[in-house]
Amino acid sequence: MAVVAPGKYRILCVDDDKFFLRVTADALRYAGYSVDTATTCLAARERMADHTYELVLVDLVLPDCHGFSLIETIRGKYPAYDILVITGRNDVRDAVRAIRLGVYDYLVKPVDHEGLIH
């Protein structure tokens, strides 16, 4: 696994599954990325108001809003952020909608962390 310079990229992971969030954030940190996490849309919005990110990983199923709502917020306020959807929903319509909103990729859980890092 290639390691990048620590802090070179700042990533926000948004997922209500705390285990998935911890494992994914730990894998990204191990690879040298600076990672923040959020379990709700509200927490994600607060973190984005306080920090700048190069990449936001977004689950579509969140407790306080749909992931598409968060993606639309990111596209409106932070258009330079790259977005990846990582979700348990293997739905072609969701994938097409995500790509139309400018999402870089649509990944279905479980996610290969080594592949995600590369």
Protein backbone atom coordinates (compact mmCIF):
# COMPACT_ATOMS: atom_id res chain seq x y z
CA MET A 1 0.00 0.00 0.00
CA ALA A 2 1.46 3.38 -1.03
CA VAL A 3 1.72 5.95 1.73
CA VAL A 4 1.23 9.64 0.91
CA ALA A 5 2.64 12.55 2.85
CA PRO A 6 0.65 12.98 6.10
CA GLY A 7 -1.90 15.73 5.90
CA LYS A 8 -1.50 16.10 2.13
CA TYR A 9 -5.21 15.44 1.54
CA ARG A 10 -8.00 16.09 3.99
CA ILE A 11 -10.95 13.71 3.75
CA LEU A 12 -14.36 13.83 5.42
CA CYS A 13 -16.11 10.45 5.84
CA VAL A 14 -19.87 10.65 6.43
CA ASP A 15 -21.62 7.43 7.45
CA ASP A 16 -24.01 6.49 10.26
CA ASP A 17 -22.44 3.02 10.59
CA LYS A 18 -19.86 3.74 13.28
CA PHE A 19 -17.94 0.51 12.71
CA PHE A 20 -17.61 1.11 8.96
CA LEU A 21 -16.70 4.73 9.64
CA ARG A 22 -13.95 3.81 12.12
CA VAL A 23 -12.44 1.08 9.93
CA THR A 24 -12.49 3.25 6.79
CA ALA A 25 -11.08 6.31 8.57
CA ASP A 26 -8.33 4.20 10.16
CA ALA A 27 -7.37 2.71 6.76
CA LEU A 28 -7.19 6.18 5.20
CA ARG A 29 -5.19 7.56 8.14
CA TYR A 30 -2.77 4.64 7.90
CA ALA A 31 -2.25 5.60 4.26
CA GLY A 32 -1.28 9.11 5.38
CA TYR A 33 -4.49 11.05 4.85
CA SER A 34 -5.95 13.51 7.33
CA VAL A 35 -9.46 12.21 8.05
CA ASP A 36 -12.45 13.66 9.88
CA THR A 37 -15.69 11.77 10.40
CA ALA A 38 -19.37 12.58 10.79
CA THR A 39 -22.37 10.34 11.46
CA THR A 40 -25.06 12.84 10.37
CA CYS A 41 -25.62 15.46 7.69
CA LEU A 42 -25.67 18.15 10.36
CA ALA A 43 -22.29 17.09 11.73
CA ALA A 44 -20.88 16.93 8.18
CA ARG A 45 -22.11 20.45 7.41
CA GLU A 46 -20.54 21.72 10.64
CA ARG A 47 -17.19 20.13 9.80
CA MET A 48 -17.25 21.57 6.27
CA ALA A 49 -17.97 25.03 7.70
CA ASP A 50 -14.86 24.72 9.90
CA HIS A 51 -12.43 22.87 7.58
CA THR A 52 -11.49 22.50 3.93
CA TYR A 53 -11.56 19.05 2.33
CA GLU A 54 -10.30 17.63 -0.93
CA LEU A 55 -12.65 14.64 -0.75
CA VAL A 56 -15.93 13.78 0.97
CA LEU A 57 -17.11 10.17 1.25
CA VAL A 58 -20.91 10.12 1.59
CA ASP A 59 -23.28 7.32 2.52
CA LEU A 60 -26.75 7.71 1.00
CA VAL A 61 -28.64 6.50 4.07
CA LEU A 62 -28.14 8.92 6.97
CA PRO A 63 -30.35 9.48 10.02
CA ASP A 64 -31.13 13.17 9.50
CA CYS A 65 -31.19 13.56 5.70
CA HIS A 66 -30.72 11.62 2.50
CA GLY A 67 -27.15 11.52 1.22
CA PHE A 68 -28.28 13.19 -2.00
CA SER A 69 -29.32 16.23 0.00
CA LEU A 70 -25.82 16.43 1.46
CA ILE A 71 -24.28 15.99 -2.00
CA GLU A 72 -26.41 18.87 -3.32
CA THR A 73 -25.24 21.04 -0.41
CA ILE A 74 -21.62 20.19 -1.13
CA ARG A 75 -22.04 20.92 -4.84
CA GLY A 76 -23.67 24.28 -4.04
CA LYS A 77 -21.30 25.52 -1.32
CA TYR A 78 -18.08 23.62 -2.00
CA PRO A 79 -17.96 22.87 -5.74
CA ALA A 80 -14.23 22.06 -5.71
CA TYR A 81 -14.68 19.11 -3.32
CA ASP A 82 -14.50 15.66 -4.87
CA ILE A 83 -17.27 13.35 -3.68
CA LEU A 84 -17.42 9.55 -3.51
CA VAL A 85 -20.61 7.72 -2.61
CA ILE A 86 -20.05 4.63 -0.49
CA THR A 87 -23.33 2.92 0.27
CA GLY A 88 -25.02 -0.40 0.84
CA ARG A 89 -27.60 0.47 -1.85
CA ASN A 90 -26.76 -1.30 -5.09
CA ASP A 91 -29.24 0.67 -7.19
CA VAL A 92 -28.46 1.75 -10.75
CA ARG A 93 -30.86 4.72 -10.51
CA ASP A 94 -29.02 6.02 -7.44
CA ALA A 95 -25.68 5.55 -9.17
CA VAL A 96 -26.85 7.46 -12.25
CA ARG A 97 -28.27 10.26 -10.09
CA ALA A 98 -25.01 10.48 -8.15
CA ILE A 99 -22.93 10.72 -11.32
CA ARG A 100 -25.27 13.40 -12.70
CA LEU A 101 -24.67 15.38 -9.49
CA GLY A 102 -20.94 15.28 -10.19
CA VAL A 103 -19.96 12.45 -7.86
CA TYR A 104 -16.58 11.00 -8.78
CA ASP A 105 -17.57 7.38 -8.14
CA TYR A 106 -20.32 5.22 -6.63
CA LEU A 107 -19.04 2.33 -4.52
CA VAL A 108 -21.15 -0.40 -2.93
CA LYS A 109 -20.28 -1.79 0.50
CA PRO A 110 -18.30 -3.73 1.41
CA VAL A 111 -15.49 -1.58 0.06
CA ASP A 112 -11.97 -2.81 -0.55
CA HIS A 113 -9.93 -0.26 1.43
CA GLU A 114 -6.77 -0.83 -0.58
CA GLY A 115 -8.69 -0.11 -3.79
CA LEU A 116 -10.28 2.95 -2.22
CA ILE A 117 -6.88 4.35 -1.24
CA HIS A 118 -5.50 3.89 -4.75
